[in-house]
PDB file of all heavy atoms in Angstrom:
ATOM      1  N   GLY A   1      -7.789  -3.724  -7.271  1.00  0.00           N
ATOM      2  CA  GLY A   1      -8.223  -4.034  -5.923  1.00  0.00           C
ATOM      3  C   GLY A   1      -9.709  -3.937  -5.765  1.00  0.00           C
ATOM      4  O   GLY A   1     -10.476  -4.094  -6.729  1.00  0.00           O
ATOM      5  N   VAL A   2     -10.151  -3.641  -4.522  1.00  0.00           N
ATOM      6  CA  VAL A   2     -11.578  -3.621  -4.237  1.00  0.00           C
ATOM      7  C   VAL A   2     -11.844  -2.673  -3.028  1.00  0.00           C
ATOM      8  O   VAL A   2     -11.022  -2.535  -2.147  1.00  0.00           O
ATOM      9  CB  VAL A   2     -12.093  -5.035  -3.953  1.00  0.00           C
ATOM     10  CG1 VAL A   2     -11.452  -5.600  -2.674  1.00  0.00           C
ATOM     11  CG2 VAL A   2     -13.604  -5.058  -3.869  1.00  0.00           C
ATOM     12  N   LYS A   3     -13.006  -2.025  -3.051  1.00  0.00           N
ATOM     13  CA  LYS A   3     -13.504  -1.243  -1.946  1.00  0.00           C
ATOM     14  C   LYS A   3     -14.700  -2.007  -1.400  1.00  0.00           C
ATOM     15  O   LYS A   3     -15.704  -2.205  -2.105  1.00  0.00           O
ATOM     16  CB  LYS A   3     -13.941   0.154  -2.363  1.00  0.00           C
ATOM     17  CG  LYS A   3     -12.770   1.021  -2.851  1.00  0.00           C
ATOM     18  CD  LYS A   3     -13.258   2.411  -3.283  1.00  0.00           C
ATOM     19  CE  LYS A   3     -12.123   3.257  -3.791  1.00  0.00           C
ATOM     20  NZ  LYS A   3     -12.601   4.619  -4.248  1.00  0.00           N
ATOM     21  N   ALA A   4     -14.625  -2.477  -0.176  1.00  0.00           N
ATOM     22  CA  ALA A   4     -15.713  -3.293   0.401  1.00  0.00           C
ATOM     23  C   ALA A   4     -15.746  -3.099   1.899  1.00  0.00           C
ATOM     24  O   ALA A   4     -14.708  -3.088   2.582  1.00  0.00           O
ATOM     25  CB  ALA A   4     -15.494  -4.763   0.083  1.00  0.00           C
ATOM     26  N   GLY A   5     -16.950  -2.905   2.450  1.00  0.00           N
ATOM     27  CA  GLY A   5     -17.155  -2.796   3.900  1.00  0.00           C
ATOM     28  C   GLY A   5     -16.383  -1.651   4.520  1.00  0.00           C
ATOM     29  O   GLY A   5     -15.922  -1.756   5.655  1.00  0.00           O
ATOM     30  N   GLY A   6     -16.252  -0.562   3.801  1.00  0.00           N
ATOM     31  CA  GLY A   6     -15.550   0.587   4.304  1.00  0.00           C
ATOM     32  C   GLY A   6     -14.043   0.491   4.222  1.00  0.00           C
ATOM     33  O   GLY A   6     -13.349   1.391   4.661  1.00  0.00           O
ATOM     34  N   SER A   7     -13.501  -0.589   3.673  1.00  0.00           N
ATOM     35  CA  SER A   7     -12.056  -0.775   3.575  1.00  0.00           C
ATOM     36  C   SER A   7     -11.642  -0.703   2.103  1.00  0.00           C
ATOM     37  O   SER A   7     -12.440  -1.046   1.194  1.00  0.00           O
ATOM     38  CB  SER A   7     -11.602  -2.092   4.167  1.00  0.00           C
ATOM     39  OG  SER A   7     -11.831  -2.119   5.553  1.00  0.00           O
ATOM     40  N   ILE A   8     -10.365  -0.318   1.904  1.00  0.00           N
ATOM     41  CA  ILE A   8      -9.797  -0.324   0.515  1.00  0.00           C
ATOM     42  C   ILE A   8      -8.649  -1.292   0.516  1.00  0.00           C
ATOM     43  O   ILE A   8      -7.678  -1.148   1.326  1.00  0.00           O
ATOM     44  CB  ILE A   8      -9.308   1.077   0.133  1.00  0.00           C
ATOM     45  CG1 ILE A   8     -10.470   2.080   0.130  1.00  0.00           C
ATOM     46  CG2 ILE A   8      -8.615   1.057  -1.238  1.00  0.00           C
ATOM     47  CD1 ILE A   8     -10.021   3.510  -0.178  1.00  0.00           C
ATOM     48  N   ILE A   9      -8.705  -2.292  -0.362  1.00  0.00           N
ATOM     49  CA  ILE A   9      -7.592  -3.263  -0.516  1.00  0.00           C
ATOM     50  C   ILE A   9      -6.929  -3.008  -1.858  1.00  0.00           C
ATOM     51  O   ILE A   9      -7.624  -2.993  -2.897  1.00  0.00           O
ATOM     52  CB  ILE A   9      -8.100  -4.727  -0.427  1.00  0.00           C
ATOM     53  CG1 ILE A   9      -8.825  -4.941   0.933  1.00  0.00           C
ATOM     54  CG2 ILE A   9      -6.944  -5.710  -0.582  1.00  0.00           C
ATOM     55  CD1 ILE A   9      -9.473  -6.329   1.030  1.00  0.00           C
ATOM     56  N   GLN A  10      -5.630  -2.824  -1.844  1.00  0.00           N
ATOM     57  CA  GLN A  10      -4.869  -2.538  -3.078  1.00  0.00           C
ATOM     58  C   GLN A  10      -3.853  -3.660  -3.336  1.00  0.00           C
ATOM     59  O   GLN A  10      -3.240  -4.167  -2.428  1.00  0.00           O
ATOM     60  CB  GLN A  10      -4.150  -1.208  -2.964  1.00  0.00           C
ATOM     61  CG  GLN A  10      -5.047  -0.007  -2.782  1.00  0.00           C
ATOM     62  CD  GLN A  10      -4.290   1.214  -2.320  1.00  0.00           C
ATOM     63  OE1 GLN A  10      -3.551   1.162  -1.301  1.00  0.00           O
ATOM     64  NE2 GLN A  10      -4.430   2.302  -3.049  1.00  0.00           N
ATOM     65  N   LYS A  11      -3.720  -4.017  -4.605  1.00  0.00           N
ATOM     66  CA  LYS A  11      -2.782  -5.058  -5.019  1.00  0.00           C
ATOM     67  C   LYS A  11      -2.100  -4.596  -6.293  1.00  0.00           C
ATOM     68  O   LYS A  11      -2.733  -4.114  -7.233  1.00  0.00           O
ATOM     69  CB  LYS A  11      -3.540  -6.376  -5.312  1.00  0.00           C
ATOM     70  CG  LYS A  11      -2.672  -7.529  -5.798  1.00  0.00           C
ATOM     71  CD  LYS A  11      -3.534  -8.670  -6.356  1.00  0.00           C
ATOM     72  CE  LYS A  11      -4.171  -8.253  -7.667  1.00  0.00           C
ATOM     73  NZ  LYS A  11      -4.947  -9.360  -8.269  1.00  0.00           N
ATOM     74  N   GLY A  12      -0.738  -4.683  -6.304  1.00  0.00           N
ATOM     75  CA  GLY A  12      -0.046  -4.280  -7.527  1.00  0.00           C
ATOM     76  C   GLY A  12       1.459  -4.251  -7.335  1.00  0.00           C
ATOM     77  O   GLY A  12       1.989  -4.817  -6.368  1.00  0.00           O
ATOM     78  N   ALA A  13       2.136  -3.619  -8.264  1.00  0.00           N
ATOM     79  CA  ALA A  13       3.595  -3.525  -8.220  1.00  0.00           C
ATOM     80  C   ALA A  13       4.004  -2.843  -6.924  1.00  0.00           C
ATOM     81  O   ALA A  13       3.314  -1.898  -6.489  1.00  0.00           O
ATOM     82  CB  ALA A  13       4.118  -2.789  -9.435  1.00  0.00           C
ATOM     83  N   VAL A  14       5.107  -3.256  -6.343  1.00  0.00           N
ATOM     84  CA  VAL A  14       5.522  -2.724  -5.044  1.00  0.00           C
ATOM     85  C   VAL A  14       5.672  -1.224  -5.075  1.00  0.00           C
ATOM     86  O   VAL A  14       5.104  -0.508  -4.206  1.00  0.00           O
ATOM     87  CB  VAL A  14       6.872  -3.388  -4.620  1.00  0.00           C
ATOM     88  CG1 VAL A  14       7.385  -2.746  -3.320  1.00  0.00           C
ATOM     89  CG2 VAL A  14       6.682  -4.895  -4.429  1.00  0.00           C
ATOM     90  N   ASP A  15       6.387  -0.689  -6.045  1.00  0.00           N
ATOM     91  CA  ASP A  15       6.584   0.771  -6.110  1.00  0.00           C
ATOM     92  C   ASP A  15       5.233   1.524  -6.280  1.00  0.00           C
ATOM     93  O   ASP A  15       5.052   2.583  -5.728  1.00  0.00           O
ATOM     94  CB  ASP A  15       7.506   1.119  -7.272  1.00  0.00           C
ATOM     95  CG  ASP A  15       8.948   0.656  -7.029  1.00  0.00           C
ATOM     96  OD1 ASP A  15       9.273   0.367  -5.852  1.00  0.00           O
ATOM     97  OD2 ASP A  15       9.707   0.545  -8.009  1.00  0.00           O
ATOM     98  N   SER A  16       4.320   0.896  -7.044  1.00  0.00           N
ATOM     99  CA  SER A  16       3.060   1.558  -7.279  1.00  0.00           C
ATOM    100  C   SER A  16       2.194   1.600  -6.027  1.00  0.00           C
ATOM    101  O   SER A  16       1.551   2.653  -5.740  1.00  0.00           O
ATOM    102  CB  SER A  16       2.277   0.792  -8.365  1.00  0.00           C
ATOM    103  OG  SER A  16       3.008   0.828  -9.583  1.00  0.00           O
ATOM    104  N   VAL A  17       2.202   0.522  -5.258  1.00  0.00           N
ATOM    105  CA  VAL A  17       1.433   0.514  -3.999  1.00  0.00           C
ATOM    106  C   VAL A  17       1.994   1.525  -3.012  1.00  0.00           C
ATOM    107  O   VAL A  17       1.237   2.242  -2.315  1.00  0.00           O
ATOM    108  CB  VAL A  17       1.385  -0.915  -3.396  1.00  0.00           C
ATOM    109  CG1 VAL A  17       0.814  -0.905  -1.986  1.00  0.00           C
ATOM    110  CG2 VAL A  17       0.615  -1.871  -4.300  1.00  0.00           C
ATOM    111  N   LEU A  18       3.316   1.586  -2.879  1.00  0.00           N
ATOM    112  CA  LEU A  18       3.938   2.535  -1.977  1.00  0.00           C
ATOM    113  C   LEU A  18       3.678   3.953  -2.405  1.00  0.00           C
ATOM    114  O   LEU A  18       3.436   4.869  -1.563  1.00  0.00           O
ATOM    115  CB  LEU A  18       5.447   2.261  -1.886  1.00  0.00           C
ATOM    116  CG  LEU A  18       5.843   0.949  -1.223  1.00  0.00           C
ATOM    117  CD1 LEU A  18       7.375   0.747  -1.299  1.00  0.00           C
ATOM    118  CD2 LEU A  18       5.396   0.891   0.224  1.00  0.00           C
ATOM    119  N   ARG A  19       3.714   4.196  -3.732  1.00  0.00           N
ATOM    120  CA  ARG A  19       3.463   5.559  -4.234  1.00  0.00           C
ATOM    121  C   ARG A  19       2.035   5.992  -4.032  1.00  0.00           C
ATOM    122  O   ARG A  19       1.708   7.181  -3.819  1.00  0.00           O
ATOM    123  CB  ARG A  19       3.826   5.591  -5.704  1.00  0.00           C
ATOM    124  CG  ARG A  19       3.829   6.997  -6.302  1.00  0.00           C
ATOM    125  CD  ARG A  19       4.515   7.040  -7.676  1.00  0.00           C
ATOM    126  NE  ARG A  19       4.042   6.025  -8.599  1.00  0.00           N
ATOM    127  CZ  ARG A  19       4.744   4.992  -9.023  1.00  0.00           C
ATOM    128  NH1 ARG A  19       6.013   4.846  -8.584  1.00  0.00           N
ATOM    129  NH2 ARG A  19       4.228   4.128  -9.865  1.00  0.00           N
ATOM    130  N   ALA A  20       1.111   5.021  -4.025  1.00  0.00           N
ATOM    131  CA  ALA A  20      -0.295   5.366  -3.859  1.00  0.00           C
ATOM    132  C   ALA A  20      -0.636   5.636  -2.392  1.00  0.00           C
ATOM    133  O   ALA A  20      -1.769   6.097  -2.105  1.00  0.00           O
ATOM    134  CB  ALA A  20      -1.182   4.203  -4.377  1.00  0.00           C
ATOM    135  N   ASN A  21       0.274   5.337  -1.494  1.00  0.00           N
ATOM    136  CA  ASN A  21       0.051   5.533  -0.035  1.00  0.00           C
ATOM    137  C   ASN A  21       1.218   6.351   0.503  1.00  0.00           C
ATOM    138  O   ASN A  21       2.170   5.788   1.050  1.00  0.00           O
ATOM    139  CB  ASN A  21      -0.058   4.209   0.706  1.00  0.00           C
ATOM    140  CG  ASN A  21      -1.268   3.370   0.244  1.00  0.00           C
ATOM    141  OD1 ASN A  21      -2.364   3.595   0.756  1.00  0.00           O
ATOM    142  ND2 ASN A  21      -1.067   2.483  -0.706  1.00  0.00           N
ATOM    143  N   PRO A  22       1.135   7.684   0.391  1.00  0.00           N
ATOM    144  CA  PRO A  22       2.273   8.571   0.833  1.00  0.00           C
ATOM    145  C   PRO A  22       2.636   8.304   2.303  1.00  0.00           C
ATOM    146  O   PRO A  22       1.739   8.149   3.155  1.00  0.00           O
ATOM    147  CB  PRO A  22       1.744   9.971   0.643  1.00  0.00           C
ATOM    148  CG  PRO A  22       0.635   9.826  -0.423  1.00  0.00           C
ATOM    149  CD  PRO A  22       0.077   8.458  -0.194  1.00  0.00           C
ATOM    150  N   GLY A  23       3.947   8.232   2.548  1.00  0.00           N
ATOM    151  CA  GLY A  23       4.432   8.064   3.916  1.00  0.00           C
ATOM    152  C   GLY A  23       4.630   6.570   4.250  1.00  0.00           C
ATOM    153  O   GLY A  23       5.368   6.228   5.206  1.00  0.00           O
ATOM    154  N   LEU A  24       4.023   5.682   3.478  1.00  0.00           N
ATOM    155  CA  LEU A  24       4.158   4.252   3.753  1.00  0.00           C
ATOM    156  C   LEU A  24       5.571   3.744   3.509  1.00  0.00           C
ATOM    157  O   LEU A  24       6.026   2.807   4.185  1.00  0.00           O
ATOM    158  CB  LEU A  24       3.163   3.474   2.888  1.00  0.00           C
ATOM    159  CG  LEU A  24       2.797   2.051   3.328  1.00  0.00           C
ATOM    160  CD1 LEU A  24       2.254   2.087   4.751  1.00  0.00           C
ATOM    161  CD2 LEU A  24       1.800   1.444   2.383  1.00  0.00           C
ATOM    162  N   ASP A  25       6.275   4.390   2.613  1.00  0.00           N
ATOM    163  CA  ASP A  25       7.633   3.949   2.240  1.00  0.00           C
ATOM    164  C   ASP A  25       8.642   4.084   3.382  1.00  0.00           C
ATOM    165  O   ASP A  25       9.685   3.422   3.392  1.00  0.00           O
ATOM    166  CB  ASP A  25       8.129   4.708   1.006  1.00  0.00           C
ATOM    167  CG  ASP A  25       9.304   4.020   0.352  1.00  0.00           C
ATOM    168  OD1 ASP A  25       9.518   2.818   0.612  1.00  0.00           O
ATOM    169  OD2 ASP A  25      10.063   4.705  -0.411  1.00  0.00           O
ATOM    170  N   ALA A  26       8.346   4.949   4.372  1.00  0.00           N
ATOM    171  CA  ALA A  26       9.265   5.205   5.452  1.00  0.00           C
ATOM    172  C   ALA A  26       9.008   4.361   6.683  1.00  0.00           C
ATOM    173  O   ALA A  26       9.677   4.488   7.725  1.00  0.00           O
ATOM    174  CB  ALA A  26       9.197   6.664   5.853  1.00  0.00           C
ATOM    175  N   THR A  27       8.118   3.382   6.598  1.00  0.00           N
ATOM    176  CA  THR A  27       7.744   2.539   7.713  1.00  0.00           C
ATOM    177  C   THR A  27       8.619   1.285   7.778  1.00  0.00           C
ATOM    178  O   THR A  27       9.168   0.858   6.736  1.00  0.00           O
ATOM    179  CB  THR A  27       6.271   2.110   7.666  1.00  0.00           C
ATOM    180  OG1 THR A  27       6.119   1.329   6.471  1.00  0.00           O
ATOM    181  CG2 THR A  27       5.376   3.341   7.563  1.00  0.00           C
ATOM    182  N   PRO A  28       8.794   0.646   8.979  1.00  0.00           N
ATOM    183  CA  PRO A  28       9.516  -0.588   9.075  1.00  0.00           C
ATOM    184  C   PRO A  28       8.913  -1.680   8.175  1.00  0.00           C
ATOM    185  O   PRO A  28       9.651  -2.511   7.665  1.00  0.00           O
ATOM    186  CB  PRO A  28       9.384  -0.956  10.538  1.00  0.00           C
ATOM    187  CG  PRO A  28       9.160   0.326  11.236  1.00  0.00           C
ATOM    188  CD  PRO A  28       8.347   1.170  10.287  1.00  0.00           C
ATOM    189  N   ALA A  29       7.605  -1.664   7.996  1.00  0.00           N
ATOM    190  CA  ALA A  29       6.980  -2.688   7.151  1.00  0.00           C
ATOM    191  C   ALA A  29       7.461  -2.577   5.722  1.00  0.00           C
ATOM    192  O   ALA A  29       7.656  -3.564   5.010  1.00  0.00           O
ATOM    193  CB  ALA A  29       5.432  -2.535   7.185  1.00  0.00           C
ATOM    194  N   ALA A  30       7.707  -1.301   5.246  1.00  0.00           N
ATOM    195  CA  ALA A  30       8.174  -1.098   3.886  1.00  0.00           C
ATOM    196  C   ALA A  30       9.607  -1.650   3.753  1.00  0.00           C
ATOM    197  O   ALA A  30       9.961  -2.243   2.739  1.00  0.00           O
ATOM    198  CB  ALA A  30       8.105   0.388   3.524  1.00  0.00           C
ATOM    199  N   ASP A  31      10.429  -1.435   4.816  1.00  0.00           N
ATOM    200  CA  ASP A  31      11.795  -1.982   4.750  1.00  0.00           C
ATOM    201  C   ASP A  31      11.739  -3.521   4.642  1.00  0.00           C
ATOM    202  O   ASP A  31      12.507  -4.128   3.899  1.00  0.00           O
ATOM    203  CB  ASP A  31      12.568  -1.554   6.020  1.00  0.00           C
ATOM    204  CG  ASP A  31      12.812  -0.070   6.030  1.00  0.00           C
ATOM    205  OD1 ASP A  31      12.838   0.550   4.960  1.00  0.00           O
ATOM    206  OD2 ASP A  31      13.035   0.500   7.126  1.00  0.00           O
ATOM    207  N   ALA A  32      10.889  -4.095   5.447  1.00  0.00           N
ATOM    208  CA  ALA A  32      10.747  -5.584   5.411  1.00  0.00           C
ATOM    209  C   ALA A  32      10.235  -6.037   4.014  1.00  0.00           C
ATOM    210  O   ALA A  32      10.682  -7.064   3.488  1.00  0.00           O
ATOM    211  CB  ALA A  32       9.772  -6.058   6.527  1.00  0.00           C
ATOM    212  N   LEU A  33       9.282  -5.249   3.469  1.00  0.00           N
ATOM    213  CA  LEU A  33       8.796  -5.589   2.129  1.00  0.00           C
ATOM    214  C   LEU A  33       9.873  -5.554   1.063  1.00  0.00           C
ATOM    215  O   LEU A  33       9.948  -6.418   0.219  1.00  0.00           O
ATOM    216  CB  LEU A  33       7.650  -4.637   1.803  1.00  0.00           C
ATOM    217  CG  LEU A  33       6.945  -4.923   0.407  1.00  0.00           C
ATOM    218  CD1 LEU A  33       6.256  -6.236   0.460  1.00  0.00           C
ATOM    219  CD2 LEU A  33       5.941  -3.828   0.104  1.00  0.00           C
TER     220      LEU A  33
END
């Protein structure tokens, strides 16, 4: 990914992205994903 303008954008395997962001797996967006 990239860090730019104060933001962090991550791209990768679904499980890896969810694991890198604790708590994200329990959100409605994760269910839709």
